[in-house]
Amino acid sequence: MNSSVPTPEQLAHIDDDELVRLAVSWRAQAGRGDREAFGVAHALEVECRRRLRTSQLQQLPPEAPAPARPWWKFWGAKGSPVQG
């Protein structure tokens, strides 16, 4: 990969492990003062976070149905107290 900032299309063809390895490598280069490496490292890290976020969303359980009446509404629909 050259020092031009990669596009999302270019990053889509890189597997997750390689993407992390490249992000760490480019961030280390940027940390040593290579100013051109900052943009590349940032783009790689953004893609890593995007993929992680997507995989975590897929692990969430389906959304539970909303209760018929919010718990904080103490009064019934016609203004009378709810009978328990």
N, C-alpha and C. Protein backbone atom coordinates (compact mmCIF):
# COMPACT_ATOMS: atom_id res chain seq x y z
N MET A 1 0.87 -1.17 0.00
CA MET A 1 0.00 0.00 0.00
C MET A 1 0.91 1.23 0.00
N ASN A 2 0.68 2.16 -0.87
CA ASN A 2 1.49 3.38 -0.90
C ASN A 2 1.00 4.34 0.17
N SER A 3 1.61 5.54 0.23
CA SER A 3 1.27 6.46 1.31
C SER A 3 0.05 7.32 1.01
N SER A 4 -0.64 7.10 -0.12
CA SER A 4 -1.88 7.83 -0.34
C SER A 4 -2.98 7.16 0.49
N VAL A 5 -3.91 7.97 0.96
CA VAL A 5 -4.96 7.46 1.83
C VAL A 5 -5.84 6.50 1.03
N PRO A 6 -6.03 5.27 1.55
CA PRO A 6 -6.83 4.28 0.83
C PRO A 6 -8.32 4.62 0.86
N THR A 7 -9.00 4.23 -0.18
CA THR A 7 -10.44 4.46 -0.27
C THR A 7 -11.17 3.29 0.42
N PRO A 8 -12.44 3.49 0.78
CA PRO A 8 -13.21 2.38 1.36
C PRO A 8 -13.27 1.17 0.42
N GLU A 9 -13.30 1.40 -0.87
CA GLU A 9 -13.33 0.29 -1.83
C GLU A 9 -12.04 -0.52 -1.76
N GLN A 10 -10.92 0.17 -1.61
CA GLN A 10 -9.64 -0.53 -1.49
C GLN A 10 -9.57 -1.31 -0.18
N LEU A 11 -10.09 -0.74 0.88
CA LEU A 11 -10.04 -1.40 2.18
C LEU A 11 -10.98 -2.60 2.26
N ALA A 12 -12.02 -2.61 1.46
CA ALA A 12 -13.00 -3.70 1.49
C ALA A 12 -12.38 -5.04 1.10
N HIS A 13 -11.28 -5.00 0.35
CA HIS A 13 -10.66 -6.23 -0.13
C HIS A 13 -9.62 -6.79 0.85
N ILE A 14 -9.43 -6.14 1.98
CA ILE A 14 -8.44 -6.57 2.96
C ILE A 14 -9.17 -7.31 4.08
N ASP A 15 -8.66 -8.50 4.47
CA ASP A 15 -9.33 -9.22 5.56
C ASP A 15 -9.04 -8.54 6.90
N ASP A 16 -9.82 -8.90 7.91
CA ASP A 16 -9.78 -8.21 9.20
C ASP A 16 -8.40 -8.26 9.86
N ASP A 17 -7.77 -9.42 9.87
CA ASP A 17 -6.46 -9.55 10.52
C ASP A 17 -5.40 -8.69 9.84
N GLU A 18 -5.41 -8.71 8.52
CA GLU A 18 -4.45 -7.89 7.77
C GLU A 18 -4.72 -6.41 7.99
N LEU A 19 -5.98 -6.04 8.07
CA LEU A 19 -6.35 -4.64 8.29
C LEU A 19 -5.81 -4.15 9.64
N VAL A 20 -5.96 -4.96 10.67
CA VAL A 20 -5.44 -4.59 12.00
C VAL A 20 -3.92 -4.49 11.95
N ARG A 21 -3.26 -5.45 11.30
CA ARG A 21 -1.80 -5.42 11.20
C ARG A 21 -1.33 -4.16 10.49
N LEU A 22 -1.99 -3.81 9.39
CA LEU A 22 -1.62 -2.60 8.65
C LEU A 22 -1.87 -1.34 9.49
N ALA A 23 -2.98 -1.31 10.20
CA ALA A 23 -3.30 -0.14 11.03
C ALA A 23 -2.22 0.07 12.09
N VAL A 24 -1.82 -1.01 12.74
CA VAL A 24 -0.77 -0.92 13.78
C VAL A 24 0.54 -0.46 13.16
N SER A 25 0.88 -1.02 12.03
CA SER A 25 2.13 -0.68 11.36
C SER A 25 2.16 0.80 10.93
N TRP A 26 1.07 1.26 10.30
CA TRP A 26 1.02 2.65 9.85
C TRP A 26 0.97 3.62 11.03
N ARG A 27 0.28 3.24 12.12
CA ARG A 27 0.23 4.11 13.30
C ARG A 27 1.62 4.22 13.92
N ALA A 28 2.38 3.13 13.93
CA ALA A 28 3.75 3.17 14.45
C ALA A 28 4.61 4.10 13.59
N GLN A 29 4.43 4.00 12.29
CA GLN A 29 5.16 4.89 11.37
C GLN A 29 4.80 6.35 11.65
N ALA A 30 3.52 6.61 11.84
CA ALA A 30 3.07 7.98 12.13
C ALA A 30 3.63 8.44 13.46
N GLY A 31 3.72 7.55 14.43
CA GLY A 31 4.27 7.89 15.73
C GLY A 31 5.76 8.23 15.68
N ARG A 32 6.44 7.73 14.67
CA ARG A 32 7.86 8.06 14.49
C ARG A 32 8.05 9.34 13.69
N GLY A 33 6.94 10.02 13.38
CA GLY A 33 7.04 11.32 12.75
C GLY A 33 6.77 11.38 11.26
N ASP A 34 6.40 10.27 10.65
CA ASP A 34 6.07 10.27 9.22
C ASP A 34 4.69 10.91 9.05
N ARG A 35 4.68 12.15 8.59
CA ARG A 35 3.43 12.91 8.50
C ARG A 35 2.45 12.31 7.51
N GLU A 36 2.94 11.70 6.44
CA GLU A 36 2.04 11.10 5.45
C GLU A 36 1.36 9.85 6.00
N ALA A 37 1.95 9.22 7.00
CA ALA A 37 1.39 7.99 7.56
C ALA A 37 0.17 8.26 8.43
N PHE A 38 0.01 9.49 8.92
CA PHE A 38 -1.14 9.79 9.78
C PHE A 38 -2.46 9.54 9.07
N GLY A 39 -2.59 10.01 7.85
CA GLY A 39 -3.85 9.84 7.10
C GLY A 39 -4.14 8.39 6.79
N VAL A 40 -3.10 7.64 6.42
CA VAL A 40 -3.29 6.22 6.10
C VAL A 40 -3.69 5.47 7.37
N ALA A 41 -2.98 5.73 8.47
CA ALA A 41 -3.30 5.06 9.73
C ALA A 41 -4.73 5.38 10.16
N HIS A 42 -5.11 6.61 10.02
CA HIS A 42 -6.47 7.01 10.40
C HIS A 42 -7.51 6.26 9.57
N ALA A 43 -7.32 6.20 8.27
CA ALA A 43 -8.28 5.51 7.39
C ALA A 43 -8.37 4.03 7.76
N LEU A 44 -7.25 3.40 8.05
CA LEU A 44 -7.25 1.99 8.43
C LEU A 44 -7.96 1.78 9.77
N GLU A 45 -7.72 2.67 10.72
CA GLU A 45 -8.36 2.56 12.03
C GLU A 45 -9.87 2.79 11.95
N VAL A 46 -10.28 3.72 11.11
CA VAL A 46 -11.71 3.97 10.91
C VAL A 46 -12.38 2.73 10.36
N GLU A 47 -11.77 2.08 9.40
CA GLU A 47 -12.33 0.85 8.82
C GLU A 47 -12.37 -0.26 9.86
N CYS A 48 -11.34 -0.37 10.70
CA CYS A 48 -11.36 -1.38 11.78
C CYS A 48 -12.54 -1.15 12.71
N ARG A 49 -12.75 0.11 13.11
CA ARG A 49 -13.86 0.43 14.01
C ARG A 49 -15.22 0.17 13.35
N ARG A 50 -15.32 0.48 12.06
CA ARG A 50 -16.57 0.26 11.35
C ARG A 50 -16.90 -1.24 11.32
N ARG A 51 -15.91 -2.05 11.02
CA ARG A 51 -16.14 -3.50 10.98
C ARG A 51 -16.47 -4.05 12.36
N LEU A 52 -15.80 -3.57 13.38
CA LEU A 52 -16.07 -4.02 14.73
C LEU A 52 -17.49 -3.64 15.15
N ARG A 53 -17.89 -2.42 14.85
CA ARG A 53 -19.24 -1.95 15.20
C ARG A 53 -20.29 -2.81 14.50
N THR A 54 -20.09 -3.11 13.22
CA THR A 54 -21.02 -3.93 12.47
C THR A 54 -21.13 -5.33 13.07
N SER A 55 -20.00 -5.92 13.44
CA SER A 55 -20.03 -7.27 14.00
C SER A 55 -20.69 -7.28 15.37
N GLN A 56 -20.51 -6.21 16.16
CA GLN A 56 -21.14 -6.14 17.47
C GLN A 56 -22.65 -5.95 17.34
N LEU A 57 -23.09 -5.19 16.35
CA LEU A 57 -24.52 -5.00 16.13
C LEU A 57 -25.20 -6.32 15.76
N GLN A 58 -24.50 -7.17 15.04
CA GLN A 58 -25.08 -8.45 14.63
C GLN A 58 -25.24 -9.38 15.83
N GLN A 59 -24.51 -9.14 16.91
CA GLN A 59 -24.59 -10.00 18.09
C GLN A 59 -25.71 -9.59 19.04
N LEU A 60 -26.29 -8.41 18.85
CA LEU A 60 -27.34 -7.95 19.74
C LEU A 60 -28.61 -8.78 19.55
N PRO A 61 -29.33 -9.02 20.65
CA PRO A 61 -30.60 -9.75 20.51
C PRO A 61 -31.62 -8.86 19.81
N PRO A 62 -32.66 -9.46 19.25
CA PRO A 62 -33.69 -8.63 18.61
C PRO A 62 -34.33 -7.71 19.64
N GLU A 63 -34.80 -6.58 19.18
CA GLU A 63 -35.38 -5.59 20.08
C GLU A 63 -36.67 -6.13 20.71
N ALA A 64 -36.78 -5.95 22.03
CA ALA A 64 -37.98 -6.41 22.75
C ALA A 64 -39.15 -5.51 22.40
N PRO A 65 -40.37 -6.07 22.37
CA PRO A 65 -41.54 -5.22 22.08
C PRO A 65 -41.74 -4.20 23.20
N ALA A 66 -42.23 -3.05 22.85
CA ALA A 66 -42.48 -1.99 23.83
C ALA A 66 -43.68 -2.36 24.68
N PRO A 67 -43.65 -1.99 25.97
CA PRO A 67 -44.81 -2.28 26.81
C PRO A 67 -46.03 -1.51 26.32
N ALA A 68 -47.22 -2.02 26.64
CA ALA A 68 -48.46 -1.40 26.19
C ALA A 68 -48.60 0.02 26.74
N ARG A 69 -48.14 0.23 27.95
CA ARG A 69 -48.24 1.54 28.59
C ARG A 69 -46.93 1.79 29.33
N PRO A 70 -46.32 2.94 29.17
CA PRO A 70 -45.08 3.22 29.90
C PRO A 70 -45.28 3.08 31.41
N TRP A 71 -44.28 2.59 32.10
CA TRP A 71 -44.38 2.33 33.52
C TRP A 71 -44.61 3.59 34.35
N TRP A 72 -44.25 4.76 33.81
CA TRP A 72 -44.37 5.99 34.61
C TRP A 72 -45.75 6.64 34.51
N LYS A 73 -46.63 6.12 33.66
CA LYS A 73 -47.98 6.68 33.56
C LYS A 73 -48.88 5.99 34.58
N PHE A 74 -49.22 6.72 35.64
CA PHE A 74 -49.99 6.14 36.73
C PHE A 74 -51.48 6.15 36.47
N TRP A 75 -51.92 6.92 35.51
CA TRP A 75 -53.35 7.06 35.27
C TRP A 75 -53.75 6.34 34.00
N GLY A 76 -54.94 5.84 34.00
CA GLY A 76 -55.45 5.13 32.83
C GLY A 76 -55.78 6.09 31.70
N ALA A 77 -56.30 5.57 30.64
CA ALA A 77 -56.57 6.36 29.44
C ALA A 77 -57.62 7.44 29.69
N LYS A 78 -58.60 7.21 30.58
CA LYS A 78 -59.67 8.19 30.78
C LYS A 78 -59.47 9.00 32.04
N GLY A 79 -58.27 9.02 32.59
CA GLY A 79 -58.01 9.83 33.76
C GLY A 79 -58.29 9.15 35.08
N SER A 80 -58.78 7.91 35.04
CA SER A 80 -59.04 7.19 36.30
C SER A 80 -57.79 6.43 36.71
N PRO A 81 -57.60 6.22 38.02
CA PRO A 81 -56.43 5.46 38.47
C PRO A 81 -56.47 4.04 37.92
N VAL A 82 -55.31 3.52 37.64
CA VAL A 82 -55.20 2.15 37.14
C VAL A 82 -55.51 1.20 38.29
N GLN A 83 -56.41 0.29 38.07
CA GLN A 83 -56.77 -0.70 39.09
C GLN A 83 -55.77 -1.84 39.06
N GLY A 84 -55.19 -2.17 40.20
CA GLY A 84 -54.18 -3.20 40.27
C GLY A 84 -54.71 -4.42 40.75
